[in-house]
PDB file of N, CA and C in Angstrom:
ATOM      1  N   MET A   1     -31.914 -17.156  -7.915  1.00  0.00           N
ATOM      2  CA  MET A   1     -31.257 -15.896  -8.102  1.00  0.00           C
ATOM      3  C   MET A   1     -29.911 -15.915  -7.380  1.00  0.00           C
ATOM      4  N   GLN A   2     -28.863 -15.461  -8.042  1.00  0.00           N
ATOM      5  CA  GLN A   2     -27.529 -15.455  -7.443  1.00  0.00           C
ATOM      6  C   GLN A   2     -27.357 -14.234  -6.542  1.00  0.00           C
ATOM      7  N   GLU A   3     -26.603 -14.445  -5.482  1.00  0.00           N
ATOM      8  CA  GLU A   3     -26.339 -13.355  -4.548  1.00  0.00           C
ATOM      9  C   GLU A   3     -25.128 -12.569  -5.028  1.00  0.00           C
ATOM     10  N   PHE A   4     -25.196 -11.253  -4.913  1.00  0.00           N
ATOM     11  CA  PHE A   4     -24.098 -10.383  -5.327  1.00  0.00           C
ATOM     12  C   PHE A   4     -22.988 -10.402  -4.277  1.00  0.00           C
ATOM     13  N   THR A   5     -21.772 -10.698  -4.711  1.00  0.00           N
ATOM     14  CA  THR A   5     -20.627 -10.645  -3.798  1.00  0.00           C
ATOM     15  C   THR A   5     -19.659  -9.590  -4.320  1.00  0.00           C
ATOM     16  N   PRO A   6     -19.365  -8.589  -3.510  1.00  0.00           N
ATOM     17  CA  PRO A   6     -18.459  -7.536  -3.975  1.00  0.00           C
ATOM     18  C   PRO A   6     -17.041  -8.058  -4.157  1.00  0.00           C
ATOM     19  N   VAL A   7     -16.347  -7.522  -5.125  1.00  0.00           N
ATOM     20  CA  VAL A   7     -14.979  -7.932  -5.400  1.00  0.00           C
ATOM     21  C   VAL A   7     -14.031  -7.318  -4.368  1.00  0.00           C
ATOM     22  N   VAL A   8     -14.330  -6.094  -3.934  1.00  0.00           N
ATOM     23  CA  VAL A   8     -13.470  -5.369  -2.996  1.00  0.00           C
ATOM     24  C   VAL A   8     -14.143  -5.319  -1.635  1.00  0.00           C
ATOM     25  N   ASN A   9     -13.382  -5.558  -0.586  1.00  0.00           N
ATOM     26  CA  ASN A   9     -13.885  -5.409   0.769  1.00  0.00           C
ATOM     27  C   ASN A   9     -14.101  -3.919   1.035  1.00  0.00           C
ATOM     28  N   ILE A  10     -15.312  -3.524   1.418  1.00  0.00           N
ATOM     29  CA  ILE A  10     -15.648  -2.117   1.596  1.00  0.00           C
ATOM     30  C   ILE A  10     -14.801  -1.482   2.696  1.00  0.00           C
ATOM     31  N   LYS A  11     -14.568  -2.209   3.791  1.00  0.00           N
ATOM     32  CA  LYS A  11     -13.770  -1.674   4.892  1.00  0.00           C
ATOM     33  C   LYS A  11     -12.343  -1.371   4.445  1.00  0.00           C
ATOM     34  N   THR A  12     -11.768  -2.290   3.701  1.00  0.00           N
ATOM     35  CA  THR A  12     -10.413  -2.098   3.199  1.00  0.00           C
ATOM     36  C   THR A  12     -10.364  -0.954   2.194  1.00  0.00           C
ATOM     37  N   PHE A  13     -11.386  -0.851   1.357  1.00  0.00           N
ATOM     38  CA  PHE A  13     -11.433   0.233   0.377  1.00  0.00           C
ATOM     39  C   PHE A  13     -11.496   1.589   1.063  1.00  0.00           C
ATOM     40  N   LEU A  14     -12.344   1.741   2.086  1.00  0.00           N
ATOM     41  CA  LEU A  14     -12.461   3.019   2.786  1.00  0.00           C
ATOM     42  C   LEU A  14     -11.165   3.361   3.518  1.00  0.00           C
ATOM     43  N   THR A  15     -10.527   2.378   4.121  1.00  0.00           N
ATOM     44  CA  THR A  15      -9.246   2.604   4.774  1.00  0.00           C
ATOM     45  C   THR A  15      -8.212   3.055   3.754  1.00  0.00           C
ATOM     46  N   SER A  16      -8.184   2.397   2.618  1.00  0.00           N
ATOM     47  CA  SER A  16      -7.248   2.732   1.560  1.00  0.00           C
ATOM     48  C   SER A  16      -7.510   4.139   1.028  1.00  0.00           C
ATOM     49  N   PHE A  17      -8.769   4.491   0.860  1.00  0.00           N
ATOM     50  CA  PHE A  17      -9.124   5.806   0.337  1.00  0.00           C
ATOM     51  C   PHE A  17      -8.721   6.913   1.302  1.00  0.00           C
ATOM     52  N   THR A  18      -8.963   6.722   2.599  1.00  0.00           N
ATOM     53  CA  THR A  18      -8.577   7.749   3.574  1.00  0.00           C
ATOM     54  C   THR A  18      -7.055   7.860   3.656  1.00  0.00           C
ATOM     55  N   TRP A  19      -6.351   6.745   3.571  1.00  0.00           N
ATOM     56  CA  TRP A  19      -4.895   6.780   3.581  1.00  0.00           C
ATOM     57  C   TRP A  19      -4.379   7.551   2.370  1.00  0.00           C
ATOM     58  N   TYR A  20      -4.953   7.293   1.216  1.00  0.00           N
ATOM     59  CA  TYR A  20      -4.533   7.952  -0.024  1.00  0.00           C
ATOM     60  C   TYR A  20      -4.733   9.466   0.079  1.00  0.00           C
ATOM     61  N   ASN A  21      -5.891   9.885   0.559  1.00  0.00           N
ATOM     62  CA  ASN A  21      -6.154  11.318   0.685  1.00  0.00           C
ATOM     63  C   ASN A  21      -5.248  11.968   1.719  1.00  0.00           C
ATOM     64  N   TYR A  22      -5.027  11.308   2.829  1.00  0.00           N
ATOM     65  CA  TYR A  22      -4.212  11.873   3.902  1.00  0.00           C
ATOM     66  C   TYR A  22      -2.764  12.069   3.458  1.00  0.00           C
ATOM     67  N   ASN A  23      -2.160  11.062   2.868  1.00  0.00           N
ATOM     68  CA  ASN A  23      -0.762  11.164   2.456  1.00  0.00           C
ATOM     69  C   ASN A  23      -0.575  12.039   1.237  1.00  0.00           C
ATOM     70  N   GLY A  24      -1.524  12.020   0.335  1.00  0.00           N
ATOM     71  CA  GLY A  24      -1.411  12.860  -0.848  1.00  0.00           C
ATOM     72  C   GLY A  24      -1.555  14.337  -0.523  1.00  0.00           C
ATOM     73  N   ASN A  25      -2.421  14.665   0.424  1.00  0.00           N
ATOM     74  CA  ASN A  25      -2.669  16.063   0.739  1.00  0.00           C
ATOM     75  C   ASN A  25      -1.762  16.604   1.834  1.00  0.00           C
ATOM     76  N   CYS A  26      -1.533  15.843   2.894  1.00  0.00           N
ATOM     77  CA  CYS A  26      -0.769  16.345   4.036  1.00  0.00           C
ATOM     78  C   CYS A  26       0.739  16.296   3.810  1.00  0.00           C
ATOM     79  N   PHE A  27       1.231  15.201   3.274  1.00  0.00           N
ATOM     80  CA  PHE A  27       2.670  15.031   3.148  1.00  0.00           C
ATOM     81  C   PHE A  27       3.194  15.345   1.752  1.00  0.00           C
ATOM     82  N   ARG A  28       2.313  15.617   0.832  1.00  0.00           N
ATOM     83  CA  ARG A  28       2.680  16.002  -0.536  1.00  0.00           C
ATOM     84  C   ARG A  28       3.516  14.945  -1.257  1.00  0.00           C
ATOM     85  N   TYR A  29       3.138  13.692  -1.084  1.00  0.00           N
ATOM     86  CA  TYR A  29       3.767  12.619  -1.834  1.00  0.00           C
ATOM     87  C   TYR A  29       3.021  12.420  -3.136  1.00  0.00           C
ATOM     88  N   TYR A  30       3.749  12.018  -4.163  1.00  0.00           N
ATOM     89  CA  TYR A  30       3.121  11.544  -5.384  1.00  0.00           C
ATOM     90  C   TYR A  30       2.805  10.075  -5.146  1.00  0.00           C
ATOM     91  N   ILE A  31       1.568   9.693  -5.355  1.00  0.00           N
ATOM     92  CA  ILE A  31       1.146   8.321  -5.062  1.00  0.00           C
ATOM     93  C   ILE A  31       0.712   7.653  -6.351  1.00  0.00           C
ATOM     94  N   THR A  32       1.294   6.484  -6.614  1.00  0.00           N
ATOM     95  CA  THR A  32       0.936   5.729  -7.811  1.00  0.00           C
ATOM     96  C   THR A  32       0.580   4.294  -7.416  1.00  0.00           C
ATOM     97  N   ASN A  33       0.125   3.544  -8.385  1.00  0.00           N
ATOM     98  CA  ASN A  33      -0.255   2.149  -8.177  1.00  0.00           C
ATOM     99  C   ASN A  33       0.995   1.315  -7.885  1.00  0.00           C
ATOM    100  N   GLY A  34       0.913   0.431  -6.900  1.00  0.00           N
ATOM    101  CA  GLY A  34       2.068  -0.358  -6.512  1.00  0.00           C
ATOM    102  C   GLY A  34       1.998  -1.811  -6.914  1.00  0.00           C
ATOM    103  N   ILE A  35       1.146  -2.155  -7.857  1.00  0.00           N
ATOM    104  CA  ILE A  35       0.957  -3.553  -8.239  1.00  0.00           C
ATOM    105  C   ILE A  35       2.253  -4.171  -8.778  1.00  0.00           C
ATOM    106  N   LYS A  36       3.109  -3.353  -9.340  1.00  0.00           N
ATOM    107  CA  LYS A  36       4.376  -3.831  -9.888  1.00  0.00           C
ATOM    108  C   LYS A  36       5.278  -4.437  -8.803  1.00  0.00           C
ATOM    109  N   PHE A  37       5.152  -3.934  -7.571  1.00  0.00           N
ATOM    110  CA  PHE A  37       5.954  -4.426  -6.460  1.00  0.00           C
ATOM    111  C   PHE A  37       5.126  -5.231  -5.467  1.00  0.00           C
ATOM    112  N   GLY A  38       3.925  -5.609  -5.821  1.00  0.00           N
ATOM    113  CA  GLY A  38       3.094  -6.418  -4.950  1.00  0.00           C
ATOM    114  C   GLY A  38       2.516  -5.654  -3.776  1.00  0.00           C
ATOM    115  N   SER A  39       2.247  -4.377  -3.965  1.00  0.00           N
ATOM    116  CA  SER A  39       1.710  -3.547  -2.891  1.00  0.00           C
ATOM    117  C   SER A  39       0.499  -2.766  -3.400  1.00  0.00           C
ATOM    118  N   ASP A  40      -0.039  -1.934  -2.519  1.00  0.00           N
ATOM    119  CA  ASP A  40      -1.176  -1.104  -2.918  1.00  0.00           C
ATOM    120  C   ASP A  40      -0.728   0.195  -3.571  1.00  0.00           C
ATOM    121  N   TYR A  41       0.278   0.841  -2.986  1.00  0.00           N
ATOM    122  CA  TYR A  41       0.728   2.139  -3.493  1.00  0.00           C
ATOM    123  C   TYR A  41       2.242   2.244  -3.452  1.00  0.00           C
ATOM    124  N   LEU A  42       2.776   3.123  -4.311  1.00  0.00           N
ATOM    125  CA  LEU A  42       4.169   3.558  -4.252  1.00  0.00           C
ATOM    126  C   LEU A  42       4.157   5.038  -3.929  1.00  0.00           C
ATOM    127  N   LEU A  43       5.050   5.490  -3.060  1.00  0.00           N
ATOM    128  CA  LEU A  43       5.125   6.893  -2.691  1.00  0.00           C
ATOM    129  C   LEU A  43       6.411   7.498  -3.226  1.00  0.00           C
ATOM    130  N   TYR A  44       6.265   8.598  -3.930  1.00  0.00           N
ATOM    131  CA  TYR A  44       7.403   9.325  -4.481  1.00  0.00           C
ATOM    132  C   TYR A  44       7.478  10.685  -3.801  1.00  0.00           C
ATOM    133  N   SER A  45       8.685  11.093  -3.407  1.00  0.00           N
ATOM    134  CA  SER A  45       8.829  12.414  -2.803  1.00  0.00           C
ATOM    135  C   SER A  45       8.924  13.501  -3.866  1.00  0.00           C
ATOM    136  N   GLU A  46       9.320  13.136  -5.069  1.00  0.00           N
ATOM    137  CA  GLU A  46       9.424  14.067  -6.195  1.00  0.00           C
ATOM    138  C   GLU A  46       8.621  13.515  -7.371  1.00  0.00           C
ATOM    139  N   ASN A  47       8.786  14.108  -8.509  1.00  0.00           N
ATOM    140  CA  ASN A  47       8.080  13.712  -9.720  1.00  0.00           C
ATOM    141  C   ASN A  47       8.375  12.248 -10.066  1.00  0.00           C
ATOM    142  N   PRO A  48       7.338  11.412 -10.208  1.00  0.00           N
ATOM    143  CA  PRO A  48       7.563   9.980 -10.499  1.00  0.00           C
ATOM    144  C   PRO A  48       8.251   9.713 -11.836  1.00  0.00           C
ATOM    145  N   LEU A  49       8.179  10.638 -12.753  1.00  0.00           N
ATOM    146  CA  LEU A  49       8.827  10.440 -14.046  1.00  0.00           C
ATOM    147  C   LEU A  49      10.335  10.667 -13.971  1.00  0.00           C
ATOM    148  N   ARG A  50      10.794  11.349 -12.932  1.00  0.00           N
ATOM    149  CA  ARG A  50      12.215  11.670 -12.823  1.00  0.00           C
ATOM    150  C   ARG A  50      12.923  10.948 -11.685  1.00  0.00           C
ATOM    151  N   TYR A  51      12.187  10.492 -10.672  1.00  0.00           N
ATOM    152  CA  TYR A  51      12.809   9.921  -9.480  1.00  0.00           C
ATOM    153  C   TYR A  51      12.221   8.551  -9.150  1.00  0.00           C
ATOM    154  N   HIS A  52      12.962   7.786  -8.367  1.00  0.00           N
ATOM    155  CA  HIS A  52      12.490   6.492  -7.890  1.00  0.00           C
ATOM    156  C   HIS A  52      11.696   6.668  -6.603  1.00  0.00           C
ATOM    157  N   SER A  53      10.799   5.734  -6.355  1.00  0.00           N
ATOM    158  CA  SER A  53      10.054   5.776  -5.092  1.00  0.00           C
ATOM    159  C   SER A  53      10.917   5.158  -3.987  1.00  0.00           C
ATOM    160  N   TYR A  54      10.692   5.623  -2.775  1.00  0.00           N
ATOM    161  CA  TYR A  54      11.424   5.100  -1.634  1.00  0.00           C
ATOM    162  C   TYR A  54      10.540   4.277  -0.709  1.00  0.00           C
ATOM    163  N   PHE A  55       9.224   4.365  -0.906  1.00  0.00           N
ATOM    164  CA  PHE A  55       8.306   3.696   0.004  1.00  0.00           C
ATOM    165  C   PHE A  55       7.305   2.836  -0.750  1.00  0.00           C
ATOM    166  N   ILE A  56       7.005   1.686  -0.183  1.00  0.00           N
ATOM    167  CA  ILE A  56       5.939   0.811  -0.648  1.00  0.00           C
ATOM    168  C   ILE A  56       4.882   0.812   0.447  1.00  0.00           C
ATOM    169  N   ALA A  57       3.643   1.096   0.100  1.00  0.00           N
ATOM    170  CA  ALA A  57       2.568   1.149   1.091  1.00  0.00           C
ATOM    171  C   ALA A  57       1.598  -0.001   0.879  1.00  0.00           C
ATOM    172  N   ILE A  58       1.279  -0.668   1.973  1.00  0.00           N
ATOM    173  CA  ILE A  58       0.288  -1.739   1.953  1.00  0.00           C
ATOM    174  C   ILE A  58      -0.797  -1.384   2.952  1.00  0.00           C
ATOM    175  N   VAL A  59      -2.035  -1.393   2.488  1.00  0.00           N
ATOM    176  CA  VAL A  59      -3.177  -1.103   3.347  1.00  0.00           C
ATOM    177  C   VAL A  59      -3.784  -2.435   3.771  1.00  0.00           C
ATOM    178  N   LEU A  60      -3.806  -2.668   5.079  1.00  0.00           N
ATOM    179  CA  LEU A  60      -4.329  -3.917   5.630  1.00  0.00           C
ATOM    180  C   LEU A  60      -5.702  -3.686   6.236  1.00  0.00           C
ATOM    181  N   ASP A  61      -6.501  -4.738   6.229  1.00  0.00           N
ATOM    182  CA  ASP A  61      -7.787  -4.675   6.907  1.00  0.00           C
ATOM    183  C   ASP A  61      -7.535  -4.568   8.403  1.00  0.00           C
ATOM    184  N   ILE A  62      -8.346  -3.797   9.086  1.00  0.00           N
ATOM    185  CA  ILE A  62      -8.131  -3.543  10.509  1.00  0.00           C
ATOM    186  C   ILE A  62      -8.240  -4.827  11.332  1.00  0.00           C
ATOM    187  N   ASP A  63      -8.947  -5.829  10.835  1.00  0.00           N
ATOM    188  CA  ASP A  63      -9.120  -7.091  11.559  1.00  0.00           C
ATOM    189  C   ASP A  63      -8.030  -8.115  11.247  1.00  0.00           C
ATOM    190  N   LYS A  64      -7.159  -7.818  10.278  1.00  0.00           N
ATOM    191  CA  LYS A  64      -6.138  -8.788   9.876  1.00  0.00           C
ATOM    192  C   LYS A  64      -5.020  -8.865  10.914  1.00  0.00           C
ATOM    193  N   ILE A  65      -4.639 -10.072  11.250  1.00  0.00           N
ATOM    194  CA  ILE A  65      -3.524 -10.301  12.159  1.00  0.00           C
ATOM    195  C   ILE A  65      -2.294 -10.595  11.305  1.00  0.00           C
ATOM    196  N   ILE A  66      -1.241  -9.829  11.538  1.00  0.00           N
ATOM    197  CA  ILE A  66      -0.017 -10.005  10.764  1.00  0.00           C
ATOM    198  C   ILE A  66       0.808 -11.114  11.419  1.00  0.00           C
ATOM    199  N   SER A  67       1.125 -12.135  10.643  1.00  0.00           N
ATOM    200  CA  SER A  67       1.913 -13.246  11.179  1.00  0.00           C
ATOM    201  C   SER A  67       3.407 -12.924  11.063  1.00  0.00           C
ATOM    202  N   SER A  68       4.202 -13.703  11.732  1.00  0.00           N
ATOM    203  CA  SER A  68       5.652 -13.504  11.658  1.00  0.00           C
ATOM    204  C   SER A  68       6.165 -13.815  10.256  1.00  0.00           C
ATOM    205  N   MET A  69       5.507 -14.733   9.562  1.00  0.00           N
ATOM    206  CA  MET A  69       5.900 -15.048   8.193  1.00  0.00           C
ATOM    207  C   MET A  69       5.651 -13.856   7.266  1.00  0.00           C
ATOM    208  N   ASP A  70       4.569 -13.109   7.502  1.00  0.00           N
ATOM    209  CA  ASP A  70       4.304 -11.899   6.717  1.00  0.00           C
ATOM    210  C   ASP A  70       5.427 -10.884   6.894  1.00  0.00           C
ATOM    211  N   ILE A  71       5.886 -10.699   8.122  1.00  0.00           N
ATOM    212  CA  ILE A  71       6.974  -9.756   8.397  1.00  0.00           C
ATOM    213  C   ILE A  71       8.255 -10.191   7.686  1.00  0.00           C
ATOM    214  N   ILE A  72       8.542 -11.486   7.687  1.00  0.00           N
ATOM    215  CA  ILE A  72       9.727 -11.992   6.998  1.00  0.00           C
ATOM    216  C   ILE A  72       9.604 -11.773   5.497  1.00  0.00           C
ATOM    217  N   ILE A  73       8.426 -12.031   4.946  1.00  0.00           N
ATOM    218  CA  ILE A  73       8.209 -11.821   3.510  1.00  0.00           C
ATOM    219  C   ILE A  73       8.374 -10.354   3.152  1.00  0.00           C
ATOM    220  N   PHE A  74       7.799  -9.456   3.965  1.00  0.00           N
ATOM    221  CA  PHE A  74       7.950  -8.022   3.713  1.00  0.00           C
ATOM    222  C   PHE A  74       9.427  -7.625   3.756  1.00  0.00           C
ATOM    223  N   GLY A  75      10.171  -8.163   4.709  1.00  0.00           N
ATOM    224  CA  GLY A  75      11.591  -7.845   4.838  1.00  0.00           C
ATOM    225  C   GLY A  75      12.401  -8.316   3.643  1.00  0.00           C
ATOM    226  N   CYS A  76      12.139  -9.533   3.183  1.00  0.00           N
ATOM    227  CA  CYS A  76      12.854 -10.055   2.010  1.00  0.00           C
ATOM    228  C   CYS A  76      12.550  -9.242   0.762  1.00  0.00           C
ATOM    229  N   LEU A  77      11.277  -8.932   0.572  1.00  0.00           N
ATOM    230  CA  LEU A  77      10.895  -8.142  -0.602  1.00  0.00           C
ATOM    231  C   LEU A  77      11.453  -6.730  -0.504  1.00  0.00           C
ATOM    232  N   ARG A  78      11.472  -6.163   0.706  1.00  0.00           N
ATOM    233  CA  ARG A  78      11.992  -4.813   0.898  1.00  0.00           C
ATOM    234  C   ARG A  78      13.464  -4.742   0.508  1.00  0.00           C
ATOM    235  N   ILE A  79      14.234  -5.749   0.880  1.00  0.00           N
ATOM    236  CA  ILE A  79      15.658  -5.765   0.541  1.00  0.00           C
ATOM    237  C   ILE A  79      15.847  -5.957  -0.958  1.00  0.00           C
ATOM    238  N   THR A  80      15.012  -6.790  -1.559  1.00  0.00           N
ATOM    239  CA  THR A  80      15.137  -7.061  -2.994  1.00  0.00           C
ATOM    240  C   THR A  80      14.883  -5.812  -3.824  1.00  0.00           C
ATOM    241  N   VAL A  81      13.850  -5.048  -3.490  1.00  0.00           N
ATOM    242  CA  VAL A  81      13.486  -3.872  -4.296  1.00  0.00           C
ATOM    243  C   VAL A  81      14.074  -2.574  -3.754  1.00  0.00           C
ATOM    244  N   LYS A  82      14.785  -2.638  -2.620  1.00  0.00           N
ATOM    245  CA  LYS A  82      15.444  -1.482  -2.005  1.00  0.00           C
ATOM    246  C   LYS A  82      14.476  -0.335  -1.713  1.00  0.00           C
ATOM    247  N   LYS A  83      13.375  -0.687  -1.066  1.00  0.00           N
ATOM    248  CA  LYS A  83      12.373   0.296  -0.670  1.00  0.00           C
ATOM    249  C   LYS A  83      11.942   0.004   0.760  1.00  0.00           C
ATOM    250  N   SER A  84      11.395   0.991   1.429  1.00  0.00           N
ATOM    251  CA  SER A  84      10.889   0.815   2.790  1.00  0.00           C
ATOM    252  C   SER A  84       9.396   0.561   2.754  1.00  0.00           C
ATOM    253  N   TYR A  85       8.930  -0.268   3.677  1.00  0.00           N
ATOM    254  CA  TYR A  85       7.504  -0.602   3.754  1.00  0.00           C
ATOM    255  C   TYR A  85       6.782   0.301   4.716  1.00  0.00           C
ATOM    256  N   ILE A  86       5.543   0.625   4.361  1.00  0.00           N
ATOM    257  CA  ILE A  86       4.613   1.294   5.259  1.00  0.00           C
ATOM    258  C   ILE A  86       3.381   0.403   5.344  1.00  0.00           C
ATOM    259  N   LEU A  87       3.093  -0.111   6.521  1.00  0.00           N
ATOM    260  CA  LEU A  87       1.896  -0.921   6.720  1.00  0.00           C
ATOM    261  C   LEU A  87       0.854  -0.037   7.374  1.00  0.00           C
ATOM    262  N   TYR A  88      -0.339   0.009   6.814  1.00  0.00           N
ATOM    263  CA  TYR A  88      -1.382   0.905   7.283  1.00  0.00           C
ATOM    264  C   TYR A  88      -2.673   0.136   7.466  1.00  0.00           C
ATOM    265  N   SER A  89      -3.351   0.388   8.570  1.00  0.00           N
ATOM    266  CA  SER A  89      -4.677  -0.228   8.764  1.00  0.00           C
ATOM    267  C   SER A  89      -5.610   0.770   9.393  1.00  0.00           C
TER     268      SER A  89
END
């Protein structure tokens, strides 16, 4: 019998879900999928159909250690797409 392995890490999913609820309800951002920019979410201050997003949000696992190479990659991508990063764990 094969063992079931979940596709999504439960800890990361719960962190992502709480982040989504907190920012959507408290700060009144429009939140959409960020897969187009290699992130978890895009945050819009106004209607996403009329305005560009200014923030890219990435939800990290609480146990993940961010390397210096990750910071450099985030910086290069941030300059390329002209958006600010939000790292959340």
